[in-house]
Amino acid sequence: MIRRALLAAALAAATLGVLPVAAANARACRIDHYCTTTYYSDAALTNAVGGKQEDCDGTTRTWGVRGPYQTWYESPCF
């Protein structure tokens, strides 16, 4: 019984170890807020590969691609 549990745990860990990592999704920008998301290709946040800017009037601008790491900034509109 214990051997089966250990085998199942080992197989699950091996399977999860080979799944590809998806790009991070940005948070939704709240109404009446200005938001900026920058996507990076590495955990050190040294290589920006894309971004998204959402203005107070609802205008959205994007560039590049989504990377697995991101920074996010939100500020209320006045």
C-alpha atoms as a PDB file:
ATOM      1  CA  MET A   1       0.000   0.000   0.000  1.00  0.00           C
ATOM      2  CA  ILE A   2       2.774   2.430   0.918  1.00  0.00           C
ATOM      3  CA  ARG A   3       4.728   1.432  -2.199  1.00  0.00           C
ATOM      4  CA  ARG A   4       1.736   2.264  -4.413  1.00  0.00           C
ATOM      5  CA  ALA A   5       1.343   5.666  -2.776  1.00  0.00           C
ATOM      6  CA  LEU A   6       5.042   6.412  -3.225  1.00  0.00           C
ATOM      7  CA  LEU A   7       4.938   5.253  -6.838  1.00  0.00           C
ATOM      8  CA  ALA A   8       1.875   7.414  -7.544  1.00  0.00           C
ATOM      9  CA  ALA A   9       3.550  10.436  -5.937  1.00  0.00           C
ATOM     10  CA  ALA A  10       6.735   9.868  -7.952  1.00  0.00           C
ATOM     11  CA  LEU A  11       4.792   9.571 -11.211  1.00  0.00           C
ATOM     12  CA  ALA A  12       2.805  12.725 -10.451  1.00  0.00           C
ATOM     13  CA  ALA A  13       5.986  14.664  -9.687  1.00  0.00           C
ATOM     14  CA  ALA A  14       7.640  13.418 -12.883  1.00  0.00           C
ATOM     15  CA  THR A  15       4.602  14.362 -14.948  1.00  0.00           C
ATOM     16  CA  LEU A  16       4.342  17.848 -13.451  1.00  0.00           C
ATOM     17  CA  GLY A  17       8.040  18.396 -14.014  1.00  0.00           C
ATOM     18  CA  VAL A  18       7.696  18.231 -17.818  1.00  0.00           C
ATOM     19  CA  LEU A  19       4.665  20.486 -18.286  1.00  0.00           C
ATOM     20  CA  PRO A  20       5.448  23.741 -20.107  1.00  0.00           C
ATOM     21  CA  VAL A  21       5.238  27.004 -18.199  1.00  0.00           C
ATOM     22  CA  ALA A  22       2.529  29.337 -19.475  1.00  0.00           C
ATOM     23  CA  ALA A  23       3.025  33.080 -19.737  1.00  0.00           C
ATOM     24  CA  ALA A  24       1.795  35.063 -16.789  1.00  0.00           C
ATOM     25  CA  ASN A  25      -1.540  36.801 -17.057  1.00  0.00           C
ATOM     26  CA  ALA A  26      -1.842  40.394 -15.972  1.00  0.00           C
ATOM     27  CA  ARG A  27      -4.345  41.510 -13.366  1.00  0.00           C
ATOM     28  CA  ALA A  28      -7.419  43.298 -14.616  1.00  0.00           C
ATOM     29  CA  CYS A  29      -7.190  47.063 -14.378  1.00  0.00           C
ATOM     30  CA  ARG A  30      -9.961  48.536 -12.250  1.00  0.00           C
ATOM     31  CA  ILE A  31     -12.312  51.165 -13.641  1.00  0.00           C
ATOM     32  CA  ASP A  32     -10.981  54.715 -13.200  1.00  0.00           C
ATOM     33  CA  HIS A  33      -7.410  53.494 -12.748  1.00  0.00           C
ATOM     34  CA  TYR A  34      -4.231  53.762 -14.809  1.00  0.00           C
ATOM     35  CA  CYS A  35      -2.332  50.460 -15.127  1.00  0.00           C
ATOM     36  CA  THR A  36       0.989  49.394 -16.593  1.00  0.00           C
ATOM     37  CA  THR A  37       2.180  45.801 -16.967  1.00  0.00           C
ATOM     38  CA  THR A  38       5.690  44.940 -18.144  1.00  0.00           C
ATOM     39  CA  TYR A  39       6.570  41.366 -19.142  1.00  0.00           C
ATOM     40  CA  TYR A  40      10.093  39.958 -18.764  1.00  0.00           C
ATOM     41  CA  SER A  41      11.834  36.852 -20.062  1.00  0.00           C
ATOM     42  CA  ASP A  42      13.779  36.171 -16.854  1.00  0.00           C
ATOM     43  CA  ALA A  43      13.177  36.139 -13.103  1.00  0.00           C
ATOM     44  CA  ALA A  44      15.757  38.889 -12.537  1.00  0.00           C
ATOM     45  CA  LEU A  45      13.512  41.232 -14.578  1.00  0.00           C
ATOM     46  CA  THR A  46      16.419  42.357 -16.763  1.00  0.00           C
ATOM     47  CA  ASN A  47      15.014  41.693 -20.251  1.00  0.00           C
ATOM     48  CA  ALA A  48      11.641  43.342 -20.955  1.00  0.00           C
ATOM     49  CA  VAL A  49       9.892  41.544 -23.821  1.00  0.00           C
ATOM     50  CA  GLY A  50       6.490  43.259 -23.826  1.00  0.00           C
ATOM     51  CA  GLY A  51       4.034  45.458 -22.039  1.00  0.00           C
ATOM     52  CA  LYS A  52       0.495  46.756 -21.692  1.00  0.00           C
ATOM     53  CA  GLN A  53      -0.683  50.233 -20.718  1.00  0.00           C
ATOM     54  CA  GLU A  54      -4.291  51.046 -19.820  1.00  0.00           C
ATOM     55  CA  ASP A  55      -5.136  54.754 -19.576  1.00  0.00           C
ATOM     56  CA  CYS A  56      -7.839  56.463 -17.534  1.00  0.00           C
ATOM     57  CA  ASP A  57      -9.993  57.005 -20.628  1.00  0.00           C
ATOM     58  CA  GLY A  58      -9.991  53.275 -21.461  1.00  0.00           C
ATOM     59  CA  THR A  59      -7.310  53.395 -24.149  1.00  0.00           C
ATOM     60  CA  THR A  60      -5.146  50.255 -24.161  1.00  0.00           C
ATOM     61  CA  ARG A  61      -1.712  49.977 -25.773  1.00  0.00           C
ATOM     62  CA  THR A  62       0.362  46.808 -26.003  1.00  0.00           C
ATOM     63  CA  TRP A  63       3.801  45.986 -27.373  1.00  0.00           C
ATOM     64  CA  GLY A  64       5.963  42.877 -27.704  1.00  0.00           C
ATOM     65  CA  VAL A  65       4.971  39.536 -26.228  1.00  0.00           C
ATOM     66  CA  ARG A  66       3.969  38.185 -22.841  1.00  0.00           C
ATOM     67  CA  GLY A  67       6.778  36.692 -20.804  1.00  0.00           C
ATOM     68  CA  PRO A  68       6.589  34.399 -17.783  1.00  0.00           C
ATOM     69  CA  TYR A  69       7.552  37.169 -15.334  1.00  0.00           C
ATOM     70  CA  GLN A  70       5.891  40.543 -14.857  1.00  0.00           C
ATOM     71  CA  THR A  71       5.684  43.766 -12.893  1.00  0.00           C
ATOM     72  CA  TRP A  72       2.372  45.531 -12.460  1.00  0.00           C
ATOM     73  CA  TYR A  73       1.515  49.085 -11.455  1.00  0.00           C
ATOM     74  CA  GLU A  74      -1.915  50.592 -10.764  1.00  0.00           C
ATOM     75  CA  SER A  75      -2.824  54.172  -9.846  1.00  0.00           C
ATOM     76  CA  PRO A  76      -6.233  55.844  -9.397  1.00  0.00           C
ATOM     77  CA  CYS A  77      -7.261  58.492 -11.936  1.00  0.00           C
ATOM     78  CA  PHE A  78      -7.958  61.970 -10.635  1.00  0.00           C
END
